[in-house]
Amino acid sequence: QQKILHFTLDLSQTSLNTVRSKDYVKIEGLKPYGNPGEPQLPFKSFIVTLPLNSEVSGVSVSEVAYRPIFNKLDIVSAPMPVARRTKNQKQTNGVQEGSVKIREGVSFSESPKSYIKCKTCNSDSFFPGNLVSYYTGKDNNNRYVFINFFPLQYIPDSQRAMLVTNAEITINYTELSGANK
């Protein structure tokens, strides 16, 4: 079985802001995405509800229409997470050092040498590369498919991009008889 979602982008809902020579692409209704240090791109999330006894075999994208962006873009990098200060941190010359607690039980070192180096910044391939990613979950009543759709694809090395304006997202699934998986 299949469920089909339609993505349509009205170009009037897009804007480009340049701050300190870095470009930020904003699309109304979409959220920013990116791991710290990676290009920050907009994405659209969908949540699809299926019967509890469903098993998802895949999510695909078809009927794609896109527009190239002719201007070179130097997309802003996603920022480091904001963390609260802990007792074991010190500040030297305006730079915080020490362990930073993100949430209970999770911490990372925040010093100038520990910032994540962008692995994709010199890439000549599209970033994020896949138009769609997904994962599934369930509760007592339903199975859910959580889909992230990335309409802006960016080539960091050449600073080129393309914007998907229309796409069909297909969720393929099977309803299992008599089983609650």
C-alpha atoms as a PDB file:
ATOM      1  CA  GLN A   1       0.000   0.000   0.000  1.00  0.00           C
ATOM      2  CA  GLN A   2       1.014   3.611  -0.417  1.00  0.00           C
ATOM      3  CA  LYS A   3       0.355   7.039   0.998  1.00  0.00           C
ATOM      4  CA  ILE A   4       1.349   9.986  -1.139  1.00  0.00           C
ATOM      5  CA  LEU A   5       2.249  13.484   0.069  1.00  0.00           C
ATOM      6  CA  HIS A   6       2.586  16.471  -2.228  1.00  0.00           C
ATOM      7  CA  PHE A   7       5.172  19.184  -1.668  1.00  0.00           C
ATOM      8  CA  THR A   8       4.689  22.500  -3.463  1.00  0.00           C
ATOM      9  CA  LEU A   9       6.778  25.577  -2.901  1.00  0.00           C
ATOM     10  CA  ASP A  10       5.609  29.054  -3.803  1.00  0.00           C
ATOM     11  CA  LEU A  11       8.795  30.966  -4.637  1.00  0.00           C
ATOM     12  CA  SER A  12       7.336  34.133  -3.115  1.00  0.00           C
ATOM     13  CA  GLN A  13       7.697  32.390   0.279  1.00  0.00           C
ATOM     14  CA  THR A  14      11.493  32.268  -0.035  1.00  0.00           C
ATOM     15  CA  SER A  15      13.946  34.935   1.032  1.00  0.00           C
ATOM     16  CA  LEU A  16      17.694  35.300   1.119  1.00  0.00           C
ATOM     17  CA  ASN A  17      19.375  37.254   3.904  1.00  0.00           C
ATOM     18  CA  THR A  18      23.089  37.981   3.864  1.00  0.00           C
ATOM     19  CA  VAL A  19      24.781  38.757   7.170  1.00  0.00           C
ATOM     20  CA  ARG A  20      28.553  39.117   7.508  1.00  0.00           C
ATOM     21  CA  SER A  21      28.976  37.714   3.959  1.00  0.00           C
ATOM     22  CA  LYS A  22      27.094  34.500   4.859  1.00  0.00           C
ATOM     23  CA  ASP A  23      23.780  33.623   3.219  1.00  0.00           C
ATOM     24  CA  TYR A  24      20.721  32.403   5.103  1.00  0.00           C
ATOM     25  CA  VAL A  25      17.916  30.947   2.997  1.00  0.00           C
ATOM     26  CA  LYS A  26      14.538  31.206   4.663  1.00  0.00           C
ATOM     27  CA  ILE A  27      11.428  29.485   3.363  1.00  0.00           C
ATOM     28  CA  GLU A  28       8.170  30.313   5.092  1.00  0.00           C
ATOM     29  CA  GLY A  29       6.817  27.297   6.985  1.00  0.00           C
ATOM     30  CA  LEU A  30      10.123  25.386   6.928  1.00  0.00           C
ATOM     31  CA  LYS A  31      12.617  25.005   9.774  1.00  0.00           C
ATOM     32  CA  PRO A  32      16.409  25.337   9.664  1.00  0.00           C
ATOM     33  CA  TYR A  33      18.406  22.079   9.664  1.00  0.00           C
ATOM     34  CA  GLY A  34      22.065  21.237  10.071  1.00  0.00           C
ATOM     35  CA  ASN A  35      24.524  19.678  12.444  1.00  0.00           C
ATOM     36  CA  PRO A  36      26.936  22.185  14.001  1.00  0.00           C
ATOM     37  CA  GLY A  37      29.408  23.364  11.370  1.00  0.00           C
ATOM     38  CA  GLU A  38      27.380  22.041   8.411  1.00  0.00           C
ATOM     39  CA  PRO A  39      25.449  24.308   6.028  1.00  0.00           C
ATOM     40  CA  GLN A  40      22.133  25.302   7.607  1.00  0.00           C
ATOM     41  CA  LEU A  41      19.350  24.489   5.150  1.00  0.00           C
ATOM     42  CA  PRO A  42      15.559  24.656   5.443  1.00  0.00           C
ATOM     43  CA  PHE A  43      13.531  21.446   5.710  1.00  0.00           C
ATOM     44  CA  LYS A  44       9.889  20.440   5.911  1.00  0.00           C
ATOM     45  CA  SER A  45       8.721  17.782   8.342  1.00  0.00           C
ATOM     46  CA  PHE A  46       5.695  15.555   7.877  1.00  0.00           C
ATOM     47  CA  ILE A  47       4.090  13.092  10.289  1.00  0.00           C
ATOM     48  CA  VAL A  48       2.013  10.364   8.664  1.00  0.00           C
ATOM     49  CA  THR A  49      -0.280   8.111  10.704  1.00  0.00           C
ATOM     50  CA  LEU A  50      -0.663   4.481   9.626  1.00  0.00           C
ATOM     51  CA  PRO A  51      -2.487   1.528  11.187  1.00  0.00           C
ATOM     52  CA  LEU A  52      -0.596  -0.004  14.112  1.00  0.00           C
ATOM     53  CA  ASN A  53      -0.052  -3.306  12.286  1.00  0.00           C
ATOM     54  CA  SER A  54       1.773  -1.567   9.390  1.00  0.00           C
ATOM     55  CA  GLU A  55       5.363  -2.098   8.358  1.00  0.00           C
ATOM     56  CA  VAL A  56       7.044   0.651   6.329  1.00  0.00           C
ATOM     57  CA  SER A  57       9.194  -0.646   3.484  1.00  0.00           C
ATOM     58  CA  GLY A  58      10.451   2.736   2.279  1.00  0.00           C
ATOM     59  CA  VAL A  59       9.884   6.366   1.435  1.00  0.00           C
ATOM     60  CA  SER A  60      10.692   7.709  -2.028  1.00  0.00           C
ATOM     61  CA  VAL A  61      10.480  10.977  -3.952  1.00  0.00           C
ATOM     62  CA  SER A  62       9.260  11.344  -7.547  1.00  0.00           C
ATOM     63  CA  GLU A  63       7.730  13.919  -9.897  1.00  0.00           C
ATOM     64  CA  VAL A  64      10.442  16.383  -8.849  1.00  0.00           C
ATOM     65  CA  ALA A  65      10.488  19.871 -10.347  1.00  0.00           C
ATOM     66  CA  TYR A  66      13.293  22.213  -9.362  1.00  0.00           C
ATOM     67  CA  ARG A  67      14.827  25.583 -10.117  1.00  0.00           C
ATOM     68  CA  PRO A  68      18.543  26.229 -10.106  1.00  0.00           C
ATOM     69  CA  ILE A  69      19.751  29.168  -8.054  1.00  0.00           C
ATOM     70  CA  PHE A  70      22.124  31.061 -10.318  1.00  0.00           C
ATOM     71  CA  ASN A  71      23.733  33.243  -7.648  1.00  0.00           C
ATOM     72  CA  LYS A  72      26.630  31.739  -5.742  1.00  0.00           C
ATOM     73  CA  LEU A  73      25.676  31.202  -2.105  1.00  0.00           C
ATOM     74  CA  ASP A  74      27.916  30.963   0.926  1.00  0.00           C
ATOM     75  CA  ILE A  75      25.387  29.281   3.212  1.00  0.00           C
ATOM     76  CA  VAL A  76      25.711  30.025   6.922  1.00  0.00           C
ATOM     77  CA  SER A  77      26.834  27.109   9.108  1.00  0.00           C
ATOM     78  CA  ALA A  78      24.519  25.655  11.724  1.00  0.00           C
ATOM     79  CA  PRO A  79      25.531  26.972  15.145  1.00  0.00           C
ATOM     80  CA  MET A  80      26.843  25.054  18.112  1.00  0.00           C
ATOM     81  CA  PRO A  81      24.121  24.205  20.654  1.00  0.00           C
ATOM     82  CA  VAL A  82      23.566  26.766  23.378  1.00  0.00           C
ATOM     83  CA  ALA A  83      24.417  25.273  26.729  1.00  0.00           C
ATOM     84  CA  ARG A  84      24.249  26.373  30.320  1.00  0.00           C
ATOM     85  CA  ARG A  85      27.394  27.001  32.254  1.00  0.00           C
ATOM     86  CA  THR A  86      28.505  24.435  34.828  1.00  0.00           C
ATOM     87  CA  LYS A  87      30.772  24.822  37.848  1.00  0.00           C
ATOM     88  CA  ASN A  88      33.781  23.204  36.162  1.00  0.00           C
ATOM     89  CA  GLN A  89      33.938  25.789  33.350  1.00  0.00           C
ATOM     90  CA  LYS A  90      36.376  28.663  33.243  1.00  0.00           C
ATOM     91  CA  GLN A  91      36.660  31.635  30.953  1.00  0.00           C
ATOM     92  CA  THR A  92      40.032  32.690  29.524  1.00  0.00           C
ATOM     93  CA  ASN A  93      40.344  35.759  27.298  1.00  0.00           C
ATOM     94  CA  GLY A  94      36.601  35.711  26.628  1.00  0.00           C
ATOM     95  CA  VAL A  95      36.599  32.025  25.611  1.00  0.00           C
ATOM     96  CA  GLN A  96      34.762  29.442  27.680  1.00  0.00           C
ATOM     97  CA  GLU A  97      36.609  26.217  28.336  1.00  0.00           C
ATOM     98  CA  GLY A  98      35.566  23.049  30.097  1.00  0.00           C
ATOM     99  CA  SER A  99      32.685  20.633  29.919  1.00  0.00           C
ATOM    100  CA  VAL A 100      29.325  22.015  28.826  1.00  0.00           C
ATOM    101  CA  LYS A 101      26.140  20.251  29.898  1.00  0.00           C
ATOM    102  CA  ILE A 102      23.536  20.094  27.143  1.00  0.00           C
ATOM    103  CA  ARG A 103      21.014  18.108  29.154  1.00  0.00           C
ATOM    104  CA  GLU A 104      21.313  15.710  32.042  1.00  0.00           C
ATOM    105  CA  GLY A 105      23.952  13.073  31.300  1.00  0.00           C
ATOM    106  CA  VAL A 106      25.158  14.635  28.018  1.00  0.00           C
ATOM    107  CA  SER A 107      28.109  16.979  27.708  1.00  0.00           C
ATOM    108  CA  PHE A 108      30.756  18.043  25.237  1.00  0.00           C
ATOM    109  CA  SER A 109      33.951  20.023  25.452  1.00  0.00           C
ATOM    110  CA  GLU A 110      33.620  23.634  24.365  1.00  0.00           C
ATOM    111  CA  SER A 111      37.003  25.098  23.576  1.00  0.00           C
ATOM    112  CA  PRO A 112      38.228  26.684  20.330  1.00  0.00           C
ATOM    113  CA  LYS A 113      40.014  23.472  19.310  1.00  0.00           C
ATOM    114  CA  SER A 114      36.994  21.214  19.840  1.00  0.00           C
ATOM    115  CA  TYR A 115      34.518  22.868  17.448  1.00  0.00           C
ATOM    116  CA  ILE A 116      33.348  20.426  14.826  1.00  0.00           C
ATOM    117  CA  LYS A 117      35.112  20.884  11.491  1.00  0.00           C
ATOM    118  CA  CYS A 118      32.701  20.956   8.594  1.00  0.00           C
ATOM    119  CA  LYS A 119      33.155  17.674   6.722  1.00  0.00           C
ATOM    120  CA  THR A 120      30.988  18.835   3.842  1.00  0.00           C
ATOM    121  CA  CYS A 121      32.374  22.366   3.299  1.00  0.00           C
ATOM    122  CA  ASN A 122      34.733  21.337   0.482  1.00  0.00           C
ATOM    123  CA  SER A 123      32.366  18.794  -1.034  1.00  0.00           C
ATOM    124  CA  ASP A 124      31.471  18.876  -4.716  1.00  0.00           C
ATOM    125  CA  SER A 125      28.326  16.802  -4.055  1.00  0.00           C
ATOM    126  CA  PHE A 126      24.873  17.993  -3.106  1.00  0.00           C
ATOM    127  CA  PHE A 127      24.296  18.520   0.615  1.00  0.00           C
ATOM    128  CA  PRO A 128      22.385  17.024   2.366  1.00  0.00           C
ATOM    129  CA  GLY A 129      22.283  14.770  -0.714  1.00  0.00           C
ATOM    130  CA  ASN A 130      19.043  12.934  -0.021  1.00  0.00           C
ATOM    131  CA  LEU A 131      15.790  14.763  -0.614  1.00  0.00           C
ATOM    132  CA  VAL A 132      14.121  12.775   2.145  1.00  0.00           C
ATOM    133  CA  SER A 133      14.944  10.955   5.366  1.00  0.00           C
ATOM    134  CA  TYR A 134      12.526   9.164   7.664  1.00  0.00           C
ATOM    135  CA  TYR A 135      12.091   7.070  10.774  1.00  0.00           C
ATOM    136  CA  THR A 136       9.099   5.310  12.303  1.00  0.00           C
ATOM    137  CA  GLY A 137       7.595   5.016  15.736  1.00  0.00           C
ATOM    138  CA  LYS A 138       4.390   3.798  17.308  1.00  0.00           C
ATOM    139  CA  ASP A 139       2.102   4.130  20.281  1.00  0.00           C
ATOM    140  CA  ASN A 140      -0.714   1.846  21.452  1.00  0.00           C
ATOM    141  CA  ASN A 141      -2.975   2.874  18.567  1.00  0.00           C
ATOM    142  CA  ASN A 142      -0.932   3.841  15.498  1.00  0.00           C
ATOM    143  CA  ARG A 143       2.370   3.622  13.646  1.00  0.00           C
ATOM    144  CA  TYR A 144       3.887   6.973  12.691  1.00  0.00           C
ATOM    145  CA  VAL A 145       6.255   7.876   9.888  1.00  0.00           C
ATOM    146  CA  PHE A 146       8.341  10.984  10.610  1.00  0.00           C
ATOM    147  CA  ILE A 147       9.611  12.421   7.327  1.00  0.00           C
ATOM    148  CA  ASN A 148      12.133  15.211   6.753  1.00  0.00           C
ATOM    149  CA  PHE A 149      12.117  16.693   3.251  1.00  0.00           C
ATOM    150  CA  PHE A 150      15.060  18.863   2.086  1.00  0.00           C
ATOM    151  CA  PRO A 151      13.974  21.074  -0.850  1.00  0.00           C
ATOM    152  CA  LEU A 152      17.216  23.082  -0.923  1.00  0.00           C
ATOM    153  CA  GLN A 153      20.206  21.095  -2.147  1.00  0.00           C
ATOM    154  CA  TYR A 154      23.583  22.821  -1.906  1.00  0.00           C
ATOM    155  CA  ILE A 155      27.045  22.117  -3.360  1.00  0.00           C
ATOM    156  CA  PRO A 156      29.439  23.753  -0.857  1.00  0.00           C
ATOM    157  CA  ASP A 157      32.590  23.661  -3.013  1.00  0.00           C
ATOM    158  CA  SER A 158      31.077  25.542  -5.970  1.00  0.00           C
ATOM    159  CA  GLN A 159      28.534  27.440  -3.806  1.00  0.00           C
ATOM    160  CA  ARG A 160      25.728  26.380  -6.147  1.00  0.00           C
ATOM    161  CA  ALA A 161      22.226  25.329  -5.136  1.00  0.00           C
ATOM    162  CA  MET A 162      18.916  24.120  -6.478  1.00  0.00           C
ATOM    163  CA  LEU A 163      15.466  24.506  -5.005  1.00  0.00           C
ATOM    164  CA  VAL A 164      12.802  21.812  -5.350  1.00  0.00           C
ATOM    165  CA  THR A 165       9.469  23.482  -6.106  1.00  0.00           C
ATOM    166  CA  ASN A 166       7.287  20.376  -6.510  1.00  0.00           C
ATOM    167  CA  ALA A 167       7.650  16.768  -5.427  1.00  0.00           C
ATOM    168  CA  GLU A 168       5.626  13.679  -4.642  1.00  0.00           C
ATOM    169  CA  ILE A 169       6.673  11.789  -1.504  1.00  0.00           C
ATOM    170  CA  THR A 170       5.501   8.167  -1.415  1.00  0.00           C
ATOM    171  CA  ILE A 171       5.351   6.034   1.732  1.00  0.00           C
ATOM    172  CA  ASN A 172       5.284   2.324   0.881  1.00  0.00           C
ATOM    173  CA  TYR A 173       3.920   0.078   3.607  1.00  0.00           C
ATOM    174  CA  THR A 174       2.286  -3.258   4.247  1.00  0.00           C
ATOM    175  CA  GLU A 175      -0.505  -3.974   6.706  1.00  0.00           C
ATOM    176  CA  LEU A 176       0.315  -7.206   8.480  1.00  0.00           C
ATOM    177  CA  SER A 177      -2.709  -9.352   9.208  1.00  0.00           C
ATOM    178  CA  GLY A 178      -3.358 -10.433  12.777  1.00  0.00           C
ATOM    179  CA  ALA A 179      -0.093  -9.069  14.159  1.00  0.00           C
ATOM    180  CA  ASN A 180       0.619  -5.950  16.145  1.00  0.00           C
ATOM    181  CA  LYS A 181       4.209  -5.141  15.241  1.00  0.00           C
END
